Amino acid sequence: MTPSPAFPAIPSGPAAILRQIGPGLIITATIVGSGELIVTPKLGASAGFTLLWFMILGCLLKVFVQIELGRHTVTTGTSSLQAMDRMPGPRWRVSWMVWIWAVMFIATVFQIAGMLGGVASVLALAGLPLPKAVSACLIGGITAVLLVVGRYRTVEQASTAMVVAFTACTVVAVGALQFTPYAITAANLAEGLSFKLPSSFTIAFAAFGVIGVGASELIYYPYWLIEKGYPRNVGPADGSPGWLERARGWIRVLHADAWVSFVVYTGATIAFYLLGAAVLGRQGKDFSNADMIPTLSRMYVETFGPWSLWLFLIGAAAVLYSTIFGATAANTRLITDALQVFGWQRKGDEEQRRRTIRTLCVAFPVIWTVLYLLVGEPLTLVLVGAIAQGLMLPFLAVLALRLHYKHTPPELRPGLLWRIGLWSAAACMVTAGAYQVASKLW
């Protein structure tokens, strides 16, 4: 059936589908950040190779939730917070799940502040003759200016290219390890796939919250789908044969987008974890706030030689700043939507929405910067946000299940194997969250 002239052609064939993917790669450019660069190597340094299986599983499980949230947005045009607000149960102005998200969001503010401190630490190690506090203020100011003047696409493209290059160098570094005293053996990999848990689960749980598509990125994802026009291309849900055909076509694009991104960020996660386990773990170089960046740089210096310190510094700055920049842009849209969900702004007022986004483009960098200046401990700040994201994952899994069974037209629901994967992902997320809470209470 030929789609209505009001809608673009439905992508068909691998080439056409790949040309349309994008939201997942935007997320990938932002998530190869504090999770991969900081939390994952720290887990490798403390646990060795033991949790390689946990890293892979953590990346895989979230794809099922990501696609379900995306499917709902593509077919309804509904954002993440609007979907949460439809959850049954207690309400006080909004659904109970929106309030849980609000708590998690406050915690992720700490995480972005920690990444800002990480960039300041990178610049200090690079020899920039400025105190870290001054560097942090400059970074925050530059971010606000770039977003207000509308340079998002330019920075997005540049940072994505740099993140991809740095990630590729990290993958190469894992291969280069085989020619150093830190070579990874078959016994190491067998240990990593032996399904053991560490005695202390906190850092592992923090990593679970942010590796791959973290909880905040799962929530951002539908907003990028809306920005890129997926729901607009499908049109209003009238249940007609033409609408169903368009929905199936763009859901295929959604699947390709999510799985291509999965391959990219899982490869990055494994590479960073193996570097941390092989180099830092064997050296006993677990790190804290004061020595975070110098210790992380050893993963590259011990692999490539002293010259690679600059490779690490440039790559680390790009990875962390791209996450700050992308998260700031996403959060402006997220909070603007939250104001409407809470009833504090009128829905459908596009001019008010644009004004709010511009205001938040300035407000958020100020908040990140002030918080870092007050706390001054980047690793601690990052871990606060990471643990909060881990605790949010079970709720997002429950949301995905409800959207699948209650709000997805039967004609667009996938088959049995997909449902098994979705239920398995939800069960694992709930179990991990419950285990973390129980380990702290008893």
Protein backbone atom coordinates (compact mmCIF):
# COMPACT_ATOMS: atom_id res chain seq x y z
CA MET A 1 0.00 0.00 0.00
CA THR A 2 1.32 3.46 -0.91
CA PRO A 3 1.45 5.84 2.07
CA SER A 4 -0.55 9.04 2.03
CA PRO A 5 1.20 11.97 0.33
CA ALA A 6 1.07 13.72 3.72
CA PHE A 7 3.63 11.26 5.05
CA PRO A 8 7.17 10.42 3.87
CA ALA A 9 7.84 7.12 2.19
CA ILE A 10 8.19 4.20 4.57
CA PRO A 11 11.86 3.12 4.72
CA SER A 12 12.26 -0.34 3.21
CA GLY A 13 15.43 -2.32 2.74
CA PRO A 14 18.58 -2.17 4.91
CA ALA A 15 20.07 0.89 3.20
CA ALA A 16 16.92 3.01 3.53
CA ILE A 17 16.44 1.97 7.16
CA LEU A 18 20.04 2.75 8.11
CA ARG A 19 19.73 6.22 6.57
CA GLN A 20 16.86 6.98 8.95
CA ILE A 21 18.43 5.85 12.22
CA GLY A 22 19.74 8.55 14.51
CA PRO A 23 18.15 8.86 17.97
CA GLY A 24 19.98 5.80 19.27
CA LEU A 25 23.28 7.08 17.96
CA ILE A 26 22.66 10.43 19.67
CA ILE A 27 22.11 8.49 22.88
CA THR A 28 25.25 6.44 22.19
CA ALA A 29 27.32 9.60 21.78
CA THR A 30 26.16 10.75 25.21
CA ILE A 31 26.23 7.45 27.08
CA VAL A 32 29.84 6.63 26.19
CA GLY A 33 30.68 8.97 29.02
CA SER A 34 30.89 8.66 32.79
CA GLY A 35 29.55 5.10 32.78
CA GLU A 36 32.09 3.71 30.33
CA LEU A 37 35.04 5.99 31.10
CA ILE A 38 34.77 6.17 34.91
CA VAL A 39 32.43 3.62 36.53
CA THR A 40 33.21 0.66 34.24
CA PRO A 41 37.04 0.83 34.66
CA LYS A 42 36.57 1.37 38.40
CA LEU A 43 34.56 -1.84 38.56
CA GLY A 44 37.24 -3.62 36.54
CA ALA A 45 39.93 -2.27 38.88
CA SER A 46 38.11 -3.53 41.98
CA ALA A 47 36.55 -6.78 40.70
CA GLY A 48 39.03 -7.87 38.03
CA PHE A 49 37.60 -9.86 35.13
CA THR A 50 34.89 -11.50 37.25
CA LEU A 51 31.99 -9.29 36.11
CA LEU A 52 32.48 -9.26 32.35
CA TRP A 53 29.24 -11.26 32.02
CA PHE A 54 27.45 -8.66 34.13
CA MET A 55 28.57 -5.85 31.80
CA ILE A 56 27.33 -7.67 28.69
CA LEU A 57 24.03 -8.65 30.28
CA GLY A 58 23.47 -5.13 31.59
CA CYS A 59 23.80 -3.70 28.09
CA LEU A 60 21.56 -6.34 26.51
CA LEU A 61 18.65 -6.22 28.94
CA LYS A 62 18.00 -2.53 28.51
CA VAL A 63 17.43 -2.78 24.77
CA PHE A 64 14.09 -4.51 25.39
CA VAL A 65 12.90 -1.68 27.62
CA GLN A 66 14.30 0.95 25.24
CA ILE A 67 12.41 -0.45 22.26
CA GLU A 68 9.13 -0.78 24.19
CA LEU A 69 9.32 2.84 25.32
CA GLY A 70 10.20 3.83 21.77
CA ARG A 71 7.37 1.75 20.26
CA HIS A 72 4.88 3.57 22.46
CA THR A 73 6.22 6.96 21.41
CA VAL A 74 6.30 6.11 17.70
CA THR A 75 2.66 4.96 17.72
CA THR A 76 1.21 7.58 20.08
CA GLY A 77 3.55 10.59 20.03
CA THR A 78 3.60 10.34 23.82
CA SER A 79 6.72 11.29 25.78
CA SER A 80 8.30 9.27 28.59
CA LEU A 81 6.84 11.39 31.39
CA GLN A 82 3.40 11.38 29.81
CA ALA A 83 3.58 7.59 29.65
CA MET A 84 4.63 7.43 33.32
CA ASP A 85 1.74 9.70 34.25
CA ARG A 86 -0.67 7.09 32.85
CA MET A 87 0.46 4.46 35.34
CA PRO A 88 -2.35 3.33 37.68
CA GLY A 89 -1.95 3.81 41.41
CA PRO A 90 -1.61 6.72 43.84
CA ARG A 91 -1.65 10.25 42.41
CA TRP A 92 -0.84 13.61 43.87
CA ARG A 93 -1.05 16.01 40.96
CA VAL A 94 0.82 13.40 38.90
CA SER A 95 1.37 9.62 39.01
CA TRP A 96 3.53 8.08 41.72
CA MET A 97 6.04 7.04 39.04
CA VAL A 98 6.59 10.63 37.94
CA TRP A 99 7.52 11.48 41.53
CA ILE A 100 10.01 8.60 41.59
CA TRP A 101 11.50 9.93 38.34
CA ALA A 102 11.79 13.38 39.94
CA VAL A 103 13.94 11.96 42.74
CA MET A 104 16.14 10.14 40.22
CA PHE A 105 16.46 13.31 38.14
CA ILE A 106 17.76 15.27 41.13
CA ALA A 107 20.39 12.57 41.66
CA THR A 108 21.48 12.71 38.01
CA VAL A 109 22.17 16.41 38.50
CA PHE A 110 24.99 15.25 40.79
CA GLN A 111 26.25 12.91 38.08
CA ILE A 112 26.52 15.64 35.45
CA ALA A 113 28.24 17.90 37.98
CA GLY A 114 30.74 15.10 38.53
CA MET A 115 31.41 14.85 34.80
CA LEU A 116 32.00 18.61 34.73
CA GLY A 117 34.58 18.07 37.46
CA GLY A 118 36.08 15.27 35.37
CA VAL A 119 36.60 17.60 32.42
CA ALA A 120 38.17 20.19 34.73
CA SER A 121 40.52 17.48 36.05
CA VAL A 122 41.47 16.49 32.50
CA LEU A 123 42.33 20.10 31.66
CA ALA A 124 44.39 20.39 34.85
CA LEU A 125 46.37 17.25 33.98
CA ALA A 126 46.87 18.64 30.49
CA GLY A 127 48.63 21.64 32.03
CA LEU A 128 45.96 24.32 31.72
CA PRO A 129 47.18 27.06 34.11
CA LEU A 130 43.80 27.59 35.74
CA PRO A 131 42.26 26.29 38.97
CA LYS A 132 39.72 23.53 38.43
CA ALA A 133 36.96 25.78 39.73
CA VAL A 134 37.70 28.37 37.06
CA SER A 135 37.84 25.70 34.35
CA ALA A 136 34.47 24.35 35.48
CA CYS A 137 32.92 27.82 35.28
CA LEU A 138 34.30 28.31 31.76
CA ILE A 139 32.96 24.93 30.61
CA GLY A 140 29.53 25.68 32.05
CA GLY A 141 29.46 29.12 30.41
CA ILE A 142 30.53 27.79 27.01
CA THR A 143 27.85 25.09 27.16
CA ALA A 144 25.13 27.63 27.89
CA VAL A 145 26.25 29.93 25.07
CA LEU A 146 26.43 27.12 22.50
CA LEU A 147 22.96 25.86 23.35
CA VAL A 148 21.34 29.30 23.43
CA VAL A 149 22.76 30.32 20.04
CA GLY A 150 21.63 27.03 18.52
CA ARG A 151 24.94 25.27 17.86
CA TYR A 152 23.69 21.91 19.05
CA ARG A 153 24.01 20.11 15.70
CA THR A 154 27.59 21.34 15.15
CA VAL A 155 28.73 20.28 18.61
CA GLU A 156 26.76 17.03 18.33
CA GLN A 157 28.50 16.08 15.09
CA ALA A 158 31.97 17.08 16.30
CA SER A 159 31.63 15.37 19.68
CA THR A 160 30.13 12.24 18.13
CA ALA A 161 33.08 11.96 15.75
CA MET A 162 35.56 12.40 18.62
CA VAL A 163 33.75 9.92 20.86
CA VAL A 164 33.69 7.34 18.07
CA ALA A 165 37.41 7.89 17.43
CA PHE A 166 38.29 7.59 21.11
CA THR A 167 36.13 4.49 21.50
CA ALA A 168 37.85 2.95 18.48
CA CYS A 169 41.23 3.72 20.08
CA THR A 170 40.04 2.02 23.26
CA VAL A 171 39.08 -1.10 21.31
CA VAL A 172 42.50 -1.04 19.61
CA ALA A 173 44.10 -0.65 23.04
CA VAL A 174 42.51 -3.92 24.17
CA GLY A 175 44.13 -5.64 21.19
CA ALA A 176 47.45 -3.91 21.89
CA LEU A 177 47.37 -5.24 25.45
CA GLN A 178 48.23 -8.65 24.04
CA PHE A 179 51.75 -7.36 23.32
CA THR A 180 52.29 -6.08 26.86
CA PRO A 181 52.67 -7.68 30.31
CA TYR A 182 48.92 -7.05 30.74
CA ALA A 183 47.79 -9.49 28.06
CA ILE A 184 44.29 -10.90 28.51
CA THR A 185 44.28 -14.71 28.57
CA ALA A 186 41.60 -17.27 27.83
CA ALA A 187 41.52 -18.01 31.56
CA ASN A 188 40.70 -14.34 32.23
CA LEU A 189 37.79 -14.44 29.79
CA ALA A 190 36.55 -17.72 31.26
CA GLU A 191 36.64 -16.10 34.70
CA GLY A 192 34.71 -13.13 33.33
CA LEU A 193 31.95 -15.39 32.01
CA SER A 194 31.64 -17.52 35.14
CA PHE A 195 28.57 -15.70 36.53
CA LYS A 196 30.05 -14.77 39.88
CA LEU A 197 29.01 -11.75 41.97
CA PRO A 198 31.41 -9.59 43.99
CA SER A 199 31.35 -9.42 47.78
CA SER A 200 30.42 -5.71 47.55
CA PHE A 201 27.70 -5.02 45.00
CA THR A 202 27.57 -1.21 45.19
CA ILE A 203 30.00 -0.33 42.37
CA ALA A 204 28.63 -3.16 40.23
CA PHE A 205 25.10 -1.82 40.75
CA ALA A 206 26.24 1.72 39.91
CA ALA A 207 27.73 0.39 36.69
CA PHE A 208 24.51 -1.50 35.96
CA GLY A 209 22.63 1.78 36.22
CA VAL A 210 24.71 3.65 33.65
CA ILE A 211 26.35 1.19 31.25
CA GLY A 212 24.72 0.82 27.87
CA VAL A 213 21.47 2.75 27.91
CA GLY A 214 21.17 4.01 31.47
CA ALA A 215 17.87 4.89 33.11
CA SER A 216 18.18 8.57 32.18
CA GLU A 217 18.96 7.70 28.56
CA LEU A 218 15.98 5.33 28.44
CA ILE A 219 13.85 8.29 29.47
CA TYR A 220 15.56 10.64 26.99
CA TYR A 221 15.16 8.26 24.07
CA PRO A 222 11.47 8.96 23.28
CA TYR A 223 12.22 12.70 23.26
CA TRP A 224 14.84 12.22 20.56
CA LEU A 225 12.40 10.07 18.59
CA ILE A 226 9.94 12.96 18.73
CA GLU A 227 12.65 15.46 17.76
CA LYS A 228 13.64 13.33 14.75
CA GLY A 229 10.03 13.05 13.62
CA TYR A 230 9.29 9.34 14.00
CA PRO A 231 5.75 9.81 15.45
CA ARG A 232 5.05 12.58 12.93
CA ASN A 233 5.98 10.24 10.10
CA VAL A 234 3.53 7.64 11.40
CA GLY A 235 0.65 10.05 11.96
CA PRO A 236 -2.32 9.99 14.35
CA ALA A 237 -3.28 6.53 15.57
CA ASP A 238 -6.51 5.94 13.64
CA GLY A 239 -6.05 2.16 13.32
CA SER A 240 -6.40 2.28 9.53
CA PRO A 241 -4.43 -0.11 7.30
CA GLY A 242 -2.27 2.80 6.12
CA TRP A 243 -1.46 3.83 9.68
CA LEU A 244 -0.58 0.26 10.65
CA GLU A 245 1.73 -0.03 7.66
CA ARG A 246 3.50 3.23 8.50
CA ALA A 247 3.78 2.22 12.16
CA ARG A 248 5.33 -1.15 11.26
CA GLY A 249 7.78 0.54 8.91
CA TRP A 250 9.01 3.08 11.46
CA ILE A 251 9.10 0.49 14.23
CA ARG A 252 11.50 -1.47 11.99
CA VAL A 253 13.65 1.65 11.83
CA LEU A 254 13.37 1.94 15.62
CA HIS A 255 14.60 -1.65 16.04
CA ALA A 256 17.55 -1.04 13.70
CA ASP A 257 18.39 2.18 15.54
CA ALA A 258 18.37 0.48 18.93
CA TRP A 259 20.33 -2.63 17.91
CA VAL A 260 23.00 -0.75 15.94
CA SER A 261 23.50 1.45 18.98
CA PHE A 262 23.63 -1.64 21.20
CA VAL A 263 26.53 -3.07 19.18
CA VAL A 264 28.44 0.22 19.47
CA TYR A 265 28.00 0.87 23.18
CA THR A 266 28.39 -2.77 24.21
CA GLY A 267 31.71 -2.92 22.38
CA ALA A 268 32.77 0.27 24.15
CA THR A 269 31.67 -1.05 27.54
CA ILE A 270 33.56 -4.32 27.12
CA ALA A 271 36.69 -2.49 25.96
CA PHE A 272 36.73 -0.07 28.90
CA TYR A 273 36.01 -2.87 31.36
CA LEU A 274 38.77 -5.11 30.05
CA LEU A 275 41.26 -2.25 30.13
CA GLY A 276 40.34 -1.49 33.72
CA ALA A 277 40.57 -5.13 34.79
CA ALA A 278 43.78 -5.89 32.89
CA VAL A 279 45.77 -2.78 33.76
CA LEU A 280 44.31 -1.14 36.85
CA GLY A 281 43.11 -4.37 38.44
CA ARG A 282 46.49 -6.07 38.10
CA GLN A 283 48.28 -2.98 39.40
CA GLY A 284 45.89 -2.66 42.33
CA LYS A 285 45.10 0.87 41.12
CA ASP A 286 41.57 1.42 42.32
CA PHE A 287 41.00 5.18 42.44
CA SER A 288 39.20 7.88 44.39
CA ASN A 289 38.22 11.50 43.75
CA ALA A 290 41.72 12.93 43.99
CA ASP A 291 43.48 10.58 41.55
CA MET A 292 40.62 9.60 39.22
CA ILE A 293 41.88 11.06 35.93
CA PRO A 294 45.62 10.30 36.42
CA THR A 295 44.79 6.68 37.31
CA LEU A 296 42.45 6.22 34.34
CA SER A 297 45.15 7.57 32.03
CA ARG A 298 47.38 4.63 32.99
CA MET A 299 45.12 2.31 30.97
CA TYR A 300 46.43 3.99 27.82
CA VAL A 301 49.96 4.88 28.92
CA GLU A 302 50.69 1.27 29.95
CA THR A 303 49.30 0.03 26.63
CA PHE A 304 50.58 2.49 24.02
CA GLY A 305 53.40 4.27 25.86
CA PRO A 306 53.85 7.75 27.40
CA TRP A 307 52.80 9.56 24.21
CA SER A 308 49.26 8.24 24.60
CA LEU A 309 48.64 10.41 27.66
CA TRP A 310 47.54 13.11 25.22
CA LEU A 311 45.35 10.65 23.35
CA PHE A 312 43.62 9.86 26.62
CA LEU A 313 43.25 13.48 27.68
CA ILE A 314 41.72 14.58 24.38
CA GLY A 315 39.45 11.54 24.22
CA ALA A 316 38.38 11.78 27.85
CA ALA A 317 37.55 15.47 27.50
CA ALA A 318 35.49 14.73 24.37
CA VAL A 319 33.66 11.79 25.96
CA LEU A 320 32.77 13.61 29.17
CA TYR A 321 31.90 16.92 27.53
CA SER A 322 29.73 15.31 24.87
CA THR A 323 27.78 13.67 27.70
CA ILE A 324 27.40 16.97 29.55
CA PHE A 325 26.32 18.76 26.38
CA GLY A 326 23.90 16.08 25.21
CA ALA A 327 22.41 15.59 28.68
CA THR A 328 21.90 19.34 29.07
CA ALA A 329 20.09 19.54 25.72
CA ALA A 330 17.94 16.51 26.58
CA ASN A 331 17.14 17.76 30.07
CA THR A 332 15.84 21.08 28.74
CA ARG A 333 13.21 19.15 26.78
CA LEU A 334 12.56 16.73 29.62
CA ILE A 335 11.93 19.42 32.22
CA THR A 336 9.83 21.46 29.80
CA ASP A 337 7.65 18.39 29.36
CA ALA A 338 7.61 17.86 33.14
CA LEU A 339 6.26 21.37 33.67
CA GLN A 340 3.36 20.50 31.39
CA VAL A 341 2.77 17.11 32.99
CA PHE A 342 2.62 18.75 36.43
CA GLY A 343 0.22 21.33 35.03
CA TRP A 344 2.54 24.29 35.59
CA GLN A 345 2.60 25.18 31.91
CA ARG A 346 -0.03 25.00 29.17
CA LYS A 347 0.17 22.05 26.83
CA GLY A 348 0.47 22.88 23.16
CA ASP A 349 1.91 26.38 23.69
CA GLU A 350 4.92 26.07 21.39
CA GLU A 351 6.18 29.61 21.99
CA GLN A 352 6.20 29.10 25.76
CA ARG A 353 7.95 25.76 25.24
CA ARG A 354 10.73 27.40 23.21
CA ARG A 355 11.19 30.14 25.81
CA THR A 356 11.43 27.57 28.59
CA ILE A 357 14.01 25.53 26.70
CA ARG A 358 16.15 28.64 26.12
CA THR A 359 15.95 29.56 29.80
CA LEU A 360 16.92 26.05 30.89
CA CYS A 361 19.86 26.08 28.47
CA VAL A 362 21.36 28.69 30.78
CA ALA A 363 19.98 27.45 34.09
CA PHE A 364 21.23 23.87 33.87
CA PRO A 365 24.92 24.65 33.21
CA VAL A 366 24.79 27.07 36.16
CA ILE A 367 23.32 24.34 38.39
CA TRP A 368 25.91 21.72 37.32
CA THR A 369 28.73 24.20 37.90
CA VAL A 370 27.57 25.43 41.31
CA LEU A 371 27.04 21.87 42.55
CA TYR A 372 30.53 20.84 41.51
CA LEU A 373 32.02 23.92 43.18
CA LEU A 374 30.18 23.11 46.40
CA VAL A 375 31.07 19.39 46.52
CA GLY A 376 34.31 19.21 44.52
CA GLU A 377 34.46 15.38 44.39
CA PRO A 378 33.75 14.21 40.83
CA LEU A 379 33.80 10.44 41.43
CA THR A 380 31.39 10.67 44.37
CA LEU A 381 29.04 12.87 42.35
CA VAL A 382 29.06 10.43 39.43
CA LEU A 383 28.36 7.44 41.68
CA VAL A 384 25.37 9.17 43.32
CA GLY A 385 23.72 9.58 39.94
CA ALA A 386 24.69 6.10 38.78
CA ILE A 387 23.15 4.36 41.81
CA ALA A 388 19.96 6.41 41.45
CA GLN A 389 19.69 5.35 37.81
CA GLY A 390 20.09 1.72 38.82
CA LEU A 391 17.23 2.06 41.29
CA MET A 392 15.04 3.62 38.58
CA LEU A 393 15.51 0.73 36.15
CA PRO A 394 12.97 -1.67 37.75
CA PHE A 395 10.26 0.99 37.51
CA LEU A 396 11.03 1.60 33.84
CA ALA A 397 10.84 -2.14 33.22
CA VAL A 398 7.39 -2.26 34.83
CA LEU A 399 6.36 0.71 32.70
CA ALA A 400 7.57 -1.06 29.55
CA LEU A 401 5.51 -4.16 30.41
CA ARG A 402 2.37 -2.11 30.96
CA LEU A 403 2.85 -0.18 27.72
CA HIS A 404 3.34 -3.45 25.86
CA TYR A 405 0.18 -5.12 27.14
CA LYS A 406 -2.17 -2.17 27.71
CA HIS A 407 -1.23 0.53 25.21
CA THR A 408 0.22 -1.26 22.16
CA PRO A 409 -2.27 -2.28 19.45
CA PRO A 410 -2.34 -6.10 19.15
CA GLU A 411 -1.36 -5.83 15.48
CA LEU A 412 1.93 -4.14 16.50
CA ARG A 413 2.95 -6.43 19.35
CA PRO A 414 5.97 -8.66 18.68
CA GLY A 415 6.00 -12.42 19.16
CA LEU A 416 6.68 -14.83 21.98
CA LEU A 417 10.48 -14.64 21.88
CA TRP A 418 10.36 -10.87 22.29
CA ARG A 419 7.99 -11.15 25.25
CA ILE A 420 10.31 -13.67 26.90
CA GLY A 421 13.17 -11.23 26.47
CA LEU A 422 11.11 -8.34 27.86
CA TRP A 423 9.98 -10.32 30.91
CA SER A 424 13.54 -11.56 31.50
CA ALA A 425 14.86 -8.00 31.33
CA ALA A 426 12.23 -6.81 33.79
CA ALA A 427 12.90 -9.70 36.18
CA CYS A 428 16.65 -9.07 36.15
CA MET A 429 16.25 -5.33 36.72
CA VAL A 430 13.86 -5.87 39.62
CA THR A 431 16.16 -8.50 41.12
CA ALA A 432 19.24 -6.27 40.84
CA GLY A 433 17.41 -3.35 42.44
CA ALA A 434 16.04 -5.50 45.25
CA TYR A 435 19.47 -7.05 45.88
CA GLN A 436 21.11 -3.63 46.13
CA VAL A 437 18.49 -2.37 48.59
CA ALA A 438 18.64 -5.57 50.64
CA SER A 439 22.46 -5.50 50.78
CA LYS A 440 22.29 -2.03 52.33
CA LEU A 441 19.56 -2.85 54.85
CA TRP A 442 20.93 -6.17 56.13
